[in-house]
PDB file of N, CA and C in Angstrom:
ATOM      1  N   UNK A   1       0.825  -1.206   0.000  1.00  0.00           N
ATOM      2  CA  UNK A   1       0.000   0.000   0.000  1.00  0.00           C
ATOM      3  C   UNK A   1       0.865   1.264   0.000  1.00  0.00           C
ATOM      4  N   UNK A   2       1.985   1.188  -0.676  1.00  0.00           N
ATOM      5  CA  UNK A   2       2.890   2.334  -0.742  1.00  0.00           C
ATOM      6  C   UNK A   2       2.251   3.491  -1.507  1.00  0.00           C
ATOM      7  N   UNK A   3       1.360   3.180  -2.445  1.00  0.00           N
ATOM      8  CA  UNK A   3       0.722   4.250  -3.224  1.00  0.00           C
ATOM      9  C   UNK A   3      -0.171   5.110  -2.347  1.00  0.00           C
ATOM     10  N   UNK A   4      -0.700   4.555  -1.249  1.00  0.00           N
ATOM     11  CA  UNK A   4      -1.543   5.356  -0.353  1.00  0.00           C
ATOM     12  C   UNK A   4      -0.726   6.418   0.366  1.00  0.00           C
ATOM     13  N   UNK A   5       0.526   6.100   0.686  1.00  0.00           N
ATOM     14  CA  UNK A   5       1.383   7.097   1.335  1.00  0.00           C
ATOM     15  C   UNK A   5       1.752   8.208   0.364  1.00  0.00           C
ATOM     16  N   UNK A   6       2.018   7.828  -0.884  1.00  0.00           N
ATOM     17  CA  UNK A   6       2.295   8.854  -1.888  1.00  0.00           C
ATOM     18  C   UNK A   6       1.073   9.729  -2.119  1.00  0.00           C
ATOM     19  N   UNK A   7      -0.103   9.122  -2.114  1.00  0.00           N
ATOM     20  CA  UNK A   7      -1.337   9.889  -2.268  1.00  0.00           C
ATOM     21  C   UNK A   7      -1.542  10.831  -1.089  1.00  0.00           C
ATOM     22  N   UNK A   8      -1.248  10.362   0.117  1.00  0.00           N
ATOM     23  CA  UNK A   8      -1.382  11.205   1.306  1.00  0.00           C
ATOM     24  C   UNK A   8      -0.422  12.393   1.250  1.00  0.00           C
ATOM     25  N   UNK A   9       0.819  12.139   0.807  1.00  0.00           N
ATOM     26  CA  UNK A   9       1.777  13.240   0.651  1.00  0.00           C
ATOM     27  C   UNK A   9       1.313  14.218  -0.427  1.00  0.00           C
ATOM     28  N   UNK A  10       0.764  13.713  -1.514  1.00  0.00           N
ATOM     29  CA  UNK A  10       0.312  14.574  -2.610  1.00  0.00           C
ATOM     30  C   UNK A  10      -0.860  15.454  -2.160  1.00  0.00           C
ATOM     31  N   UNK A  11      -1.802  14.881  -1.449  1.00  0.00           N
ATOM     32  CA  UNK A  11      -2.958  15.657  -0.989  1.00  0.00           C
ATOM     33  C   UNK A  11      -2.527  16.701   0.032  1.00  0.00           C
ATOM     34  N   UNK A  12      -1.634  16.328   0.937  1.00  0.00           N
ATOM     35  CA  UNK A  12      -1.138  17.295   1.917  1.00  0.00           C
ATOM     36  C   UNK A  12      -0.396  18.433   1.222  1.00  0.00           C
ATOM     37  N   UNK A  13       0.363  18.111   0.192  1.00  0.00           N
ATOM     38  CA  UNK A  13       1.068  19.153  -0.559  1.00  0.00           C
ATOM     39  C   UNK A  13       0.098  20.068  -1.279  1.00  0.00           C
ATOM     40  N   UNK A  14      -0.988  19.516  -1.774  1.00  0.00           N
ATOM     41  CA  UNK A  14      -2.014  20.339  -2.425  1.00  0.00           C
ATOM     42  C   UNK A  14      -2.615  21.326  -1.428  1.00  0.00           C
ATOM     43  N   UNK A  15      -2.857  20.873  -0.189  1.00  0.00           N
ATOM     44  CA  UNK A  15      -3.367  21.785   0.836  1.00  0.00           C
ATOM     45  C   UNK A  15      -2.385  22.929   1.083  1.00  0.00           C
ATOM     46  N   UNK A  16      -1.102  22.604   1.190  1.00  0.00           N
ATOM     47  CA  UNK A  16      -0.093  23.640   1.435  1.00  0.00           C
ATOM     48  C   UNK A  16      -0.031  24.616   0.257  1.00  0.00           C
ATOM     49  N   UNK A  17      -0.025  24.085  -0.954  1.00  0.00           N
ATOM     50  CA  UNK A  17       0.047  24.952  -2.135  1.00  0.00           C
ATOM     51  C   UNK A  17      -1.198  25.816  -2.289  1.00  0.00           C
ATOM     52  N   UNK A  18      -2.361  25.245  -2.018  1.00  0.00           N
ATOM     53  CA  UNK A  18      -3.587  26.030  -2.119  1.00  0.00           C
ATOM     54  C   UNK A  18      -3.622  27.126  -1.057  1.00  0.00           C
ATOM     55  N   UNK A  19      -3.174  26.811   0.148  1.00  0.00           N
ATOM     56  CA  UNK A  19      -3.109  27.824   1.201  1.00  0.00           C
ATOM     57  C   UNK A  19      -2.135  28.941   0.849  1.00  0.00           C
ATOM     58  N   UNK A  20      -0.990  28.575   0.279  1.00  0.00           N
ATOM     59  CA  UNK A  20      -0.009  29.592  -0.116  1.00  0.00           C
ATOM     60  C   UNK A  20      -0.550  30.456  -1.251  1.00  0.00           C
ATOM     61  N   UNK A  21      -1.288  29.850  -2.169  1.00  0.00           N
ATOM     62  CA  UNK A  21      -1.848  30.639  -3.265  1.00  0.00           C
ATOM     63  C   UNK A  21      -2.963  31.551  -2.771  1.00  0.00           C
ATOM     64  N   UNK A  22      -3.690  31.139  -1.752  1.00  0.00           N
ATOM     65  CA  UNK A  22      -4.686  32.037  -1.164  1.00  0.00           C
ATOM     66  C   UNK A  22      -4.014  33.251  -0.533  1.00  0.00           C
ATOM     67  N   UNK A  23      -2.941  33.004   0.204  1.00  0.00           N
ATOM     68  CA  UNK A  23      -2.235  34.108   0.857  1.00  0.00           C
ATOM     69  C   UNK A  23      -1.599  35.023  -0.186  1.00  0.00           C
ATOM     70  N   UNK A  24      -1.061  34.430  -1.248  1.00  0.00           N
ATOM     71  CA  UNK A  24      -0.402  35.223  -2.286  1.00  0.00           C
ATOM     72  C   UNK A  24      -1.396  36.062  -3.091  1.00  0.00           C
ATOM     73  N   UNK A  25      -2.664  35.713  -3.048  1.00  0.00           N
ATOM     74  CA  UNK A  25      -3.674  36.516  -3.721  1.00  0.00           C
ATOM     75  C   UNK A  25      -4.044  36.038  -5.110  1.00  0.00           C
ATOM     76  N   UNK A  26      -3.745  34.782  -5.435  1.00  0.00           N
ATOM     77  CA  UNK A  26      -4.114  34.267  -6.751  1.00  0.00           C
ATOM     78  C   UNK A  26      -5.625  34.106  -6.894  1.00  0.00           C
ATOM     79  N   UNK A  27      -6.310  33.948  -5.770  1.00  0.00           N
ATOM     80  CA  UNK A  27      -7.762  33.800  -5.787  1.00  0.00           C
ATOM     81  C   UNK A  27      -8.394  35.069  -5.231  1.00  0.00           C
ATOM     82  N   UNK A  28      -8.228  36.147  -5.940  1.00  0.00           N
ATOM     83  CA  UNK A  28      -8.788  37.422  -5.535  1.00  0.00           C
ATOM     84  C   UNK A  28     -10.237  37.503  -5.977  1.00  0.00           C
ATOM     85  N   UNK A  29     -11.111  37.663  -5.023  1.00  0.00           N
ATOM     86  CA  UNK A  29     -12.523  37.807  -5.371  1.00  0.00           C
ATOM     87  C   UNK A  29     -13.214  38.654  -4.320  1.00  0.00           C
ATOM     88  N   UNK A  30     -14.432  39.033  -4.641  1.00  0.00           N
ATOM     89  CA  UNK A  30     -15.215  39.831  -3.697  1.00  0.00           C
ATOM     90  C   UNK A  30     -15.833  38.957  -2.616  1.00  0.00           C
ATOM     91  N   UNK A  31     -15.871  37.666  -2.849  1.00  0.00           N
ATOM     92  CA  UNK A  31     -16.489  36.762  -1.876  1.00  0.00           C
ATOM     93  C   UNK A  31     -15.614  36.627  -0.630  1.00  0.00           C
ATOM     94  N   UNK A  32     -14.303  36.531  -0.835  1.00  0.00           N
ATOM     95  CA  UNK A  32     -13.381  36.381   0.286  1.00  0.00           C
ATOM     96  C   UNK A  32     -12.650  37.693   0.556  1.00  0.00           C
ATOM     97  N   UNK A  33     -12.965  38.344   1.652  1.00  0.00           N
ATOM     98  CA  UNK A  33     -12.203  39.543   2.005  1.00  0.00           C
ATOM     99  C   UNK A  33     -10.759  39.182   2.359  1.00  0.00           C
ATOM    100  N   UNK A  34      -9.906  40.165   2.390  1.00  0.00           N
ATOM    101  CA  UNK A  34      -8.481  39.938   2.591  1.00  0.00           C
ATOM    102  C   UNK A  34      -8.138  39.203   3.868  1.00  0.00           C
ATOM    103  N   UNK A  35      -8.753  39.581   4.989  1.00  0.00           N
ATOM    104  CA  UNK A  35      -8.425  38.937   6.259  1.00  0.00           C
ATOM    105  C   UNK A  35      -8.912  37.492   6.301  1.00  0.00           C
ATOM    106  N   UNK A  36     -10.074  37.220   5.736  1.00  0.00           N
ATOM    107  CA  UNK A  36     -10.578  35.849   5.701  1.00  0.00           C
ATOM    108  C   UNK A  36      -9.713  34.978   4.798  1.00  0.00           C
ATOM    109  N   UNK A  37      -9.289  35.543   3.670  1.00  0.00           N
ATOM    110  CA  UNK A  37      -8.414  34.812   2.761  1.00  0.00           C
ATOM    111  C   UNK A  37      -7.088  34.481   3.445  1.00  0.00           C
ATOM    112  N   UNK A  38      -6.562  35.419   4.213  1.00  0.00           N
ATOM    113  CA  UNK A  38      -5.319  35.185   4.946  1.00  0.00           C
ATOM    114  C   UNK A  38      -5.499  34.088   5.990  1.00  0.00           C
ATOM    115  N   UNK A  39      -6.572  34.154   6.744  1.00  0.00           N
ATOM    116  CA  UNK A  39      -6.819  33.145   7.776  1.00  0.00           C
ATOM    117  C   UNK A  39      -7.038  31.758   7.168  1.00  0.00           C
ATOM    118  N   UNK A  40      -7.795  31.693   6.092  1.00  0.00           N
ATOM    119  CA  UNK A  40      -8.021  30.406   5.431  1.00  0.00           C
ATOM    120  C   UNK A  40      -6.717  29.849   4.871  1.00  0.00           C
ATOM    121  N   UNK A  41      -5.886  30.712   4.325  1.00  0.00           N
ATOM    122  CA  UNK A  41      -4.597  30.282   3.806  1.00  0.00           C
ATOM    123  C   UNK A  41      -3.700  29.715   4.893  1.00  0.00           C
ATOM    124  N   UNK A  42      -3.657  30.388   6.030  1.00  0.00           N
ATOM    125  CA  UNK A  42      -2.852  29.914   7.147  1.00  0.00           C
ATOM    126  C   UNK A  42      -3.364  28.573   7.653  1.00  0.00           C
ATOM    127  N   UNK A  43      -4.680  28.449   7.783  1.00  0.00           N
ATOM    128  CA  UNK A  43      -5.256  27.191   8.258  1.00  0.00           C
ATOM    129  C   UNK A  43      -4.957  26.054   7.281  1.00  0.00           C
ATOM    130  N   UNK A  44      -5.069  26.298   5.986  1.00  0.00           N
ATOM    131  CA  UNK A  44      -4.788  25.254   5.003  1.00  0.00           C
ATOM    132  C   UNK A  44      -3.314  24.842   5.018  1.00  0.00           C
ATOM    133  N   UNK A  45      -2.430  25.806   5.165  1.00  0.00           N
ATOM    134  CA  UNK A  45      -1.003  25.492   5.237  1.00  0.00           C
ATOM    135  C   UNK A  45      -0.700  24.663   6.483  1.00  0.00           C
ATOM    136  N   UNK A  46      -1.246  25.065   7.609  1.00  0.00           N
ATOM    137  CA  UNK A  46      -1.010  24.316   8.846  1.00  0.00           C
ATOM    138  C   UNK A  46      -1.599  22.912   8.772  1.00  0.00           C
ATOM    139  N   UNK A  47      -2.778  22.785   8.164  1.00  0.00           N
ATOM    140  CA  UNK A  47      -3.384  21.463   8.019  1.00  0.00           C
ATOM    141  C   UNK A  47      -2.545  20.578   7.097  1.00  0.00           C
ATOM    142  N   UNK A  48      -2.027  21.143   6.025  1.00  0.00           N
ATOM    143  CA  UNK A  48      -1.172  20.383   5.133  1.00  0.00           C
ATOM    144  C   UNK A  48       0.100  19.918   5.818  1.00  0.00           C
ATOM    145  N   UNK A  49       0.710  20.793   6.598  1.00  0.00           N
ATOM    146  CA  UNK A  49       1.907  20.420   7.348  1.00  0.00           C
ATOM    147  C   UNK A  49       1.576  19.337   8.368  1.00  0.00           C
ATOM    148  N   UNK A  50       0.433  19.461   9.022  1.00  0.00           N
ATOM    149  CA  UNK A  50      -0.013  18.451   9.977  1.00  0.00           C
ATOM    150  C   UNK A  50      -0.176  17.098   9.294  1.00  0.00           C
ATOM    151  N   UNK A  51      -0.784  17.080   8.116  1.00  0.00           N
ATOM    152  CA  UNK A  51      -0.985  15.819   7.392  1.00  0.00           C
ATOM    153  C   UNK A  51       0.355  15.208   6.955  1.00  0.00           C
ATOM    154  N   UNK A  52       1.307  16.043   6.579  1.00  0.00           N
ATOM    155  CA  UNK A  52       2.631  15.536   6.205  1.00  0.00           C
ATOM    156  C   UNK A  52       3.316  14.901   7.411  1.00  0.00           C
ATOM    157  N   UNK A  53       3.244  15.555   8.553  1.00  0.00           N
ATOM    158  CA  UNK A  53       3.868  15.022   9.763  1.00  0.00           C
ATOM    159  C   UNK A  53       3.205  13.717  10.187  1.00  0.00           C
ATOM    160  N   UNK A  54       1.879  13.659  10.138  1.00  0.00           N
ATOM    161  CA  UNK A  54       1.155  12.442  10.517  1.00  0.00           C
ATOM    162  C   UNK A  54       1.508  11.297   9.563  1.00  0.00           C
ATOM    163  N   UNK A  55       1.547  11.579   8.280  1.00  0.00           N
ATOM    164  CA  UNK A  55       1.884  10.542   7.307  1.00  0.00           C
ATOM    165  C   UNK A  55       3.315  10.063   7.515  1.00  0.00           C
ATOM    166  N   UNK A  56       4.224  10.966   7.787  1.00  0.00           N
ATOM    167  CA  UNK A  56       5.621  10.583   8.022  1.00  0.00           C
ATOM    168  C   UNK A  56       5.749   9.743   9.286  1.00  0.00           C
ATOM    169  N   UNK A  57       5.024  10.124  10.341  1.00  0.00           N
ATOM    170  CA  UNK A  57       5.115   9.353  11.585  1.00  0.00           C
ATOM    171  C   UNK A  57       4.490   7.976  11.435  1.00  0.00           C
ATOM    172  N   UNK A  58       3.447   7.845  10.629  1.00  0.00           N
ATOM    173  CA  UNK A  58       2.888   6.527  10.363  1.00  0.00           C
ATOM    174  C   UNK A  58       3.884   5.674   9.589  1.00  0.00           C
ATOM    175  N   UNK A  59       4.647   6.299   8.721  1.00  0.00           N
ATOM    176  CA  UNK A  59       5.669   5.582   7.969  1.00  0.00           C
ATOM    177  C   UNK A  59       6.721   5.022   8.923  1.00  0.00           C
ATOM    178  N   UNK A  60       7.125   5.791   9.897  1.00  0.00           N
ATOM    179  CA  UNK A  60       8.105   5.322  10.890  1.00  0.00           C
ATOM    180  C   UNK A  60       7.536   4.197  11.732  1.00  0.00           C
ATOM    181  N   UNK A  61       6.277   4.307  12.133  1.00  0.00           N
ATOM    182  CA  UNK A  61       5.655   3.256  12.934  1.00  0.00           C
ATOM    183  C   UNK A  61       5.534   1.964  12.157  1.00  0.00           C
ATOM    184  N   UNK A  62       5.225   2.051  10.858  1.00  0.00           N
ATOM    185  CA  UNK A  62       5.082   0.849  10.042  1.00  0.00           C
ATOM    186  C   UNK A  62       6.423   0.121   9.908  1.00  0.00           C
ATOM    187  N   UNK A  63       7.500   0.856   9.769  1.00  0.00           N
ATOM    188  CA  UNK A  63       8.792   0.200   9.604  1.00  0.00           C
ATOM    189  C   UNK A  63       9.308  -0.356  10.943  1.00  0.00           C
ATOM    190  N   UNK A  64       8.953   0.280  12.052  1.00  0.00           N
ATOM    191  CA  UNK A  64       9.404  -0.204  13.357  1.00  0.00           C
ATOM    192  C   UNK A  64       8.659  -1.469  13.788  1.00  0.00           C
ATOM    193  N   UNK A  65       7.396  -1.602  13.384  1.00  0.00           N
ATOM    194  CA  UNK A  65       6.607  -2.755  13.780  1.00  0.00           C
ATOM    195  C   UNK A  65       6.919  -3.988  12.950  1.00  0.00           C
ATOM    196  N   UNK A  66       7.425  -3.811  11.745  1.00  0.00           N
ATOM    197  CA  UNK A  66       7.682  -4.966  10.871  1.00  0.00           C
ATOM    198  C   UNK A  66       8.897  -5.749  11.293  1.00  0.00           C
TER     199      UNK A  66
END
């Protein structure tokens, strides 16, 4: 099930990239004011980093148990 770990890393990276693009202003619209866009970007980046750390720690646990 190595492809699931690659998928988890890819999805977490997408969260980080989407959060960074929100902060950078690539998604400028009237629906999201500047402060909300900044907060959403920060939350998405932190969630992506969290998912990367969790996936990495599961990788370590899998190799230690085998």
